Amino acid sequence: MSLDKATVARIAHLARIKVPEEELDHLAGELSQILSFVEQLNEVDTGNVPPMTSVAAQKLRRRKDEVTDGGIQDAVLKNGPETAEGFYVVPKVVE
């Protein structure tokens, strides 16, 4: 896919990047090469390749899914400047 100066200028505008007029030709060539490489990657058959999350086979350690309250309410509430009845006190923002 070949990009022209107008397309590159529009991409730069959408990306909120200021690109000087004299650099548009060079940038168009570079972006066209990148898109050509991506098109080459699309031609590779990856149907029989399993998806990877890592280059080394690993299993995630799992823990029991237990619901707890943490048991540290007092320690957490010490972080706030003002508390009342087990909650943080904050200024009213809605009338």
Protein backbone atom coordinates (compact mmCIF):
# COMPACT_ATOMS: atom_id res chain seq x y z
CA MET A 1 0.00 0.00 0.00
CA SER A 2 1.44 3.33 -1.03
CA LEU A 3 0.61 6.49 0.87
CA ASP A 4 0.63 9.98 -0.61
CA LYS A 5 1.44 13.28 1.08
CA ALA A 6 -2.23 14.14 1.68
CA THR A 7 -2.87 10.86 3.46
CA VAL A 8 0.21 11.28 5.65
CA ALA A 9 -0.84 14.84 6.48
CA ARG A 10 -4.28 13.57 7.49
CA ILE A 11 -2.77 10.81 9.65
CA ALA A 12 -0.52 13.38 11.33
CA HIS A 13 -3.52 15.65 11.93
CA LEU A 14 -5.55 12.81 13.47
CA ALA A 15 -2.59 11.85 15.67
CA ARG A 16 -2.15 15.49 16.66
CA ILE A 17 1.44 15.44 15.40
CA LYS A 18 2.90 18.52 13.72
CA VAL A 19 4.81 17.37 10.64
CA PRO A 20 6.59 19.97 8.50
CA GLU A 21 5.62 20.00 4.83
CA GLU A 22 9.14 19.08 3.68
CA GLU A 23 9.09 15.85 5.74
CA LEU A 24 5.80 14.51 4.37
CA ASP A 25 7.41 12.76 1.37
CA HIS A 26 10.01 11.00 3.53
CA LEU A 27 7.39 10.03 6.10
CA ALA A 28 5.07 8.72 3.36
CA GLY A 29 7.85 6.42 2.15
CA GLU A 30 8.55 5.09 5.64
CA LEU A 31 4.89 4.49 6.44
CA SER A 32 4.41 2.75 3.08
CA GLN A 33 7.30 0.39 3.89
CA ILE A 34 5.78 -0.39 7.30
CA LEU A 35 2.40 -1.15 5.74
CA SER A 36 4.05 -3.36 3.11
CA PHE A 37 5.75 -5.35 5.86
CA VAL A 38 2.45 -5.77 7.71
CA GLU A 39 0.85 -7.01 4.48
CA GLN A 40 3.64 -9.60 4.19
CA LEU A 41 2.90 -10.76 7.74
CA ASN A 42 -0.77 -11.21 6.84
CA GLU A 43 0.24 -13.74 4.16
CA VAL A 44 1.74 -16.13 6.72
CA ASP A 45 -0.51 -19.08 7.59
CA THR A 46 -0.84 -19.16 11.38
CA GLY A 47 -3.89 -21.44 11.52
CA ASN A 48 -2.06 -24.30 13.25
CA VAL A 49 -0.03 -22.12 15.61
CA PRO A 50 -1.41 -21.99 19.16
CA PRO A 51 -1.60 -18.54 20.76
CA MET A 52 1.23 -17.67 23.14
CA THR A 53 1.27 -15.56 26.27
CA SER A 54 4.97 -16.10 26.89
CA VAL A 55 8.00 -17.54 25.11
CA ALA A 56 8.43 -20.07 27.92
CA ALA A 57 5.65 -22.50 28.82
CA GLN A 58 4.31 -21.47 32.21
CA LYS A 59 1.33 -22.17 34.36
CA LEU A 60 -0.06 -19.47 36.56
CA ARG A 61 -0.13 -20.18 40.26
CA ARG A 62 -3.67 -20.09 41.48
CA ARG A 63 -5.06 -19.36 44.88
CA LYS A 64 -8.39 -20.25 46.40
CA ASP A 65 -11.15 -17.86 45.45
CA GLU A 66 -12.16 -16.87 48.95
CA VAL A 67 -14.03 -13.71 49.83
CA THR A 68 -12.51 -11.92 52.81
CA ASP A 69 -12.86 -8.42 54.15
CA GLY A 70 -9.12 -8.18 54.72
CA GLY A 71 -9.59 -7.70 58.44
CA ILE A 72 -7.55 -4.48 58.41
CA GLN A 73 -10.23 -1.79 58.37
CA ASP A 74 -8.59 0.16 61.19
CA ALA A 75 -5.19 0.15 59.45
CA VAL A 76 -6.77 1.31 56.18
CA LEU A 77 -8.78 4.07 57.84
CA LYS A 78 -5.61 5.44 59.45
CA ASN A 79 -4.60 6.64 55.95
CA GLY A 80 -7.44 9.15 55.80
CA PRO A 81 -7.50 12.55 57.46
CA GLU A 82 -10.97 12.11 58.93
CA THR A 83 -13.15 9.03 59.50
CA ALA A 84 -16.59 8.37 60.94
CA GLU A 85 -18.44 5.09 61.55
CA GLY A 86 -15.86 3.02 59.63
CA PHE A 87 -15.76 5.26 56.53
CA TYR A 88 -13.72 8.17 55.20
CA VAL A 89 -15.31 11.59 55.62
CA VAL A 90 -15.18 13.63 52.41
CA PRO A 91 -16.60 17.03 51.52
CA LYS A 92 -20.05 17.12 49.99
CA VAL A 93 -19.80 17.80 46.25
CA VAL A 94 -23.43 17.45 45.17
CA GLU A 95 -26.06 19.92 46.38
